[in-house]
Amino acid sequence: MSYATPARFIESFGLEETVQYLSDEQRLLTAQLLLDALAGSWSGAPTVEEKAAAEAAVARITRKLETQSNLMDGYLRPAVVLPLSADDANAGTLEECCLALVRCALADDTDNATERMDDCCKTWRAWLRDISTGKAKLAGAGGQAIAPSGGARSGQTRTNYDWAAFRPSRGARS
């Protein structure tokens, strides 16, 4: 399950920027082709190559949304029970995190990557690490704490030995 959709990505970063990230080598992808491919119906008379470029773009953004959501789950799993419900209070925050991470993943060359984007992704990754380690907490749908998933625990367990009953006899040597 992805924390965001291609439509939300376009809404957040704009259609032209999205086309720029998803553009193919032949530069066949246009804004209209991308929208048509997302809608599942074609306006005008695109060529087979244009349709293929648009469908590849939709597949690429969908795959990035899924892989970045899986990455996020890796951080979230030790802290919360997954999947979170769609009406969870954290849904908007997790969606923003996913969108930012996907933007960085799609901006894979110096033509469209910026230092600001990199800093934003570093901030989101640090937040995810904080969730994972318990340094930051997510809130439940009603604002209450979410039950932990029972992730890894460390430390010493309680012994079953009755230390109070242990009394060495006087004069005994060890």
Protein backbone atom coordinates (compact mmCIF):
# COMPACT_ATOMS: atom_id res chain seq x y z
CA MET A 1 0.00 0.00 0.00
CA SER A 2 1.36 3.39 -0.98
CA TYR A 3 1.06 6.39 1.30
CA ALA A 4 0.41 8.64 -1.72
CA THR A 5 -0.92 8.48 -5.28
CA PRO A 6 0.33 9.81 -8.61
CA ALA A 7 -2.55 12.31 -8.58
CA ARG A 8 -1.43 13.66 -5.18
CA PHE A 9 2.14 13.90 -6.46
CA ILE A 10 0.96 16.01 -9.39
CA GLU A 11 -1.21 18.11 -7.09
CA SER A 12 1.72 18.72 -4.72
CA PHE A 13 4.50 19.44 -7.21
CA GLY A 14 2.69 20.43 -10.37
CA LEU A 15 2.06 18.73 -13.66
CA GLU A 16 5.02 20.26 -15.50
CA GLU A 17 7.50 19.30 -12.78
CA THR A 18 6.09 15.77 -12.71
CA VAL A 19 6.47 15.48 -16.49
CA GLN A 20 10.04 16.72 -16.15
CA TYR A 21 10.85 13.96 -13.63
CA LEU A 22 9.15 11.25 -15.66
CA SER A 23 10.29 12.35 -19.09
CA ASP A 24 11.61 9.61 -21.36
CA GLU A 25 14.80 9.71 -23.43
CA GLN A 26 12.94 10.66 -26.59
CA ARG A 27 11.04 13.42 -24.80
CA LEU A 28 7.71 12.03 -26.02
CA LEU A 29 5.91 12.50 -22.70
CA THR A 30 3.66 15.55 -22.45
CA ALA A 31 1.39 16.76 -19.68
CA GLN A 32 -1.70 15.67 -21.61
CA LEU A 33 -0.29 12.22 -22.32
CA LEU A 34 0.50 11.73 -18.63
CA LEU A 35 -2.99 12.81 -17.59
CA ASP A 36 -4.53 10.55 -20.24
CA ALA A 37 -2.47 7.56 -19.11
CA LEU A 38 -3.49 8.16 -15.49
CA ALA A 39 -7.15 8.43 -16.55
CA GLY A 40 -6.92 5.31 -18.69
CA SER A 41 -8.33 6.97 -21.80
CA TRP A 42 -6.63 8.85 -24.59
CA SER A 43 -7.61 12.26 -25.95
CA GLY A 44 -6.52 13.08 -29.44
CA ALA A 45 -4.64 10.49 -31.44
CA PRO A 46 -1.35 9.69 -29.71
CA THR A 47 1.09 7.40 -31.46
CA VAL A 48 1.93 3.97 -30.13
CA GLU A 49 5.29 5.35 -28.96
CA GLU A 50 3.64 8.27 -27.12
CA LYS A 51 1.20 5.90 -25.39
CA ALA A 52 4.07 3.63 -24.40
CA ALA A 53 6.03 6.59 -23.01
CA ALA A 54 3.04 7.76 -20.97
CA GLU A 55 2.29 4.28 -19.65
CA ALA A 56 5.95 3.83 -18.71
CA ALA A 57 5.83 7.15 -16.85
CA VAL A 58 2.77 6.07 -14.87
CA ALA A 59 4.44 2.73 -14.09
CA ARG A 60 7.59 4.53 -12.94
CA ILE A 61 5.84 6.94 -10.57
CA THR A 62 3.62 4.15 -9.23
CA ARG A 63 6.68 1.97 -8.61
CA LYS A 64 8.50 4.84 -6.85
CA LEU A 65 5.46 5.48 -4.64
CA GLU A 66 5.38 1.80 -3.69
CA THR A 67 9.12 1.46 -3.04
CA GLN A 68 9.31 4.62 -0.95
CA SER A 69 6.22 3.53 1.01
CA ASN A 70 7.94 0.19 1.65
CA LEU A 71 11.04 2.05 2.81
CA MET A 72 8.88 4.07 5.19
CA ASP A 73 7.24 0.88 6.49
CA GLY A 74 10.68 -0.42 7.37
CA TYR A 75 11.12 2.53 9.71
CA LEU A 76 7.54 2.50 10.99
CA ARG A 77 7.19 -1.25 11.64
CA PRO A 78 9.16 -1.28 14.93
CA ALA A 79 7.01 1.56 16.28
CA VAL A 80 3.44 0.88 15.10
CA VAL A 81 1.16 -1.88 13.89
CA LEU A 82 0.88 -1.74 10.11
CA PRO A 83 -1.03 -1.10 7.98
CA LEU A 84 -2.36 2.12 9.47
CA SER A 85 -5.98 2.85 8.68
CA ALA A 86 -6.80 5.41 5.99
CA ASP A 87 -8.45 7.69 8.57
CA ASP A 88 -5.42 7.62 10.84
CA ALA A 89 -4.37 11.02 12.19
CA ASN A 90 -0.90 10.50 10.70
CA ALA A 91 -2.10 9.86 7.14
CA GLY A 92 -1.42 13.42 5.94
CA THR A 93 2.05 13.51 7.47
CA LEU A 94 2.97 10.12 6.06
CA GLU A 95 1.66 11.17 2.66
CA GLU A 96 3.83 14.32 2.70
CA CYS A 97 6.84 12.25 3.72
CA CYS A 98 6.21 9.76 0.92
CA LEU A 99 5.75 12.51 -1.67
CA ALA A 100 9.00 14.21 -0.67
CA LEU A 101 10.93 10.94 -0.77
CA VAL A 102 9.48 10.05 -4.18
CA ARG A 103 10.35 13.51 -5.49
CA CYS A 104 13.97 12.97 -4.46
CA ALA A 105 13.98 9.48 -5.95
CA LEU A 106 12.63 10.75 -9.27
CA ALA A 107 15.00 13.72 -9.38
CA ASP A 108 17.84 11.44 -10.34
CA ASP A 109 20.02 13.86 -12.26
CA THR A 110 21.53 17.31 -11.77
CA ASP A 111 19.01 18.87 -14.15
CA ASN A 112 16.16 18.46 -11.70
CA ALA A 113 17.68 17.73 -8.27
CA THR A 114 18.23 20.60 -5.85
CA GLU A 115 20.03 20.96 -2.55
CA ARG A 116 16.75 22.03 -0.94
CA MET A 117 15.09 18.79 -2.06
CA ASP A 118 17.99 16.78 -0.65
CA ASP A 119 17.73 18.62 2.67
CA CYS A 120 13.99 17.98 2.78
CA CYS A 121 14.54 14.24 2.22
CA LYS A 122 17.23 14.15 4.91
CA THR A 123 14.78 15.75 7.33
CA TRP A 124 12.06 13.20 6.51
CA ARG A 125 14.52 10.28 6.82
CA ALA A 126 15.69 11.59 10.19
CA TRP A 127 12.06 11.82 11.32
CA LEU A 128 11.47 8.22 10.20
CA ARG A 129 14.58 7.12 12.13
CA ASP A 130 13.24 8.94 15.19
CA ILE A 131 9.90 7.13 14.84
CA SER A 132 11.75 3.83 14.48
CA THR A 133 13.80 4.35 17.63
CA GLY A 134 10.95 5.76 19.69
CA LYS A 135 12.45 9.23 19.87
CA ALA A 136 9.31 10.54 18.13
CA LYS A 137 5.83 9.04 18.40
CA LEU A 138 2.88 8.85 16.05
CA ALA A 139 -0.63 9.62 17.27
CA GLY A 140 -3.63 7.37 16.68
CA ALA A 141 -6.81 8.30 14.81
CA GLY A 142 -8.24 9.96 17.92
CA GLY A 143 -4.93 11.52 18.95
CA GLN A 144 -4.02 8.70 21.35
CA ALA A 145 -0.74 6.82 21.20
CA ILE A 146 -0.61 3.95 18.70
CA ALA A 147 0.10 0.52 20.15
CA PRO A 148 3.65 -0.59 19.38
CA SER A 149 4.17 -3.57 17.14
CA GLY A 150 6.37 -5.30 19.67
CA GLY A 151 9.59 -4.74 17.72
CA ALA A 152 13.01 -5.72 18.99
CA ARG A 153 13.73 -5.22 22.66
CA SER A 154 17.03 -5.15 24.43
CA GLY A 155 18.16 -5.28 28.03
CA GLN A 156 18.22 -7.85 30.77
CA THR A 157 15.20 -10.03 31.48
CA ARG A 158 13.90 -10.70 34.93
CA THR A 159 15.33 -13.82 36.52
CA ASN A 160 13.17 -16.52 38.08
CA TYR A 161 15.77 -17.24 40.74
CA ASP A 162 14.66 -16.43 44.28
CA TRP A 163 17.60 -14.40 45.50
CA ALA A 164 15.93 -13.72 48.86
CA ALA A 165 16.03 -17.44 49.65
CA PHE A 166 19.73 -17.65 48.84
CA ARG A 167 21.71 -17.47 52.07
CA PRO A 168 25.10 -19.00 52.11
CA SER A 169 25.82 -20.89 55.31
CA ARG A 170 28.36 -19.41 57.67
CA GLY A 171 31.78 -20.65 57.18
CA ALA A 172 31.12 -21.97 53.69
CA ARG A 173 33.82 -21.16 51.22
CA SER A 174 33.39 -20.76 47.59
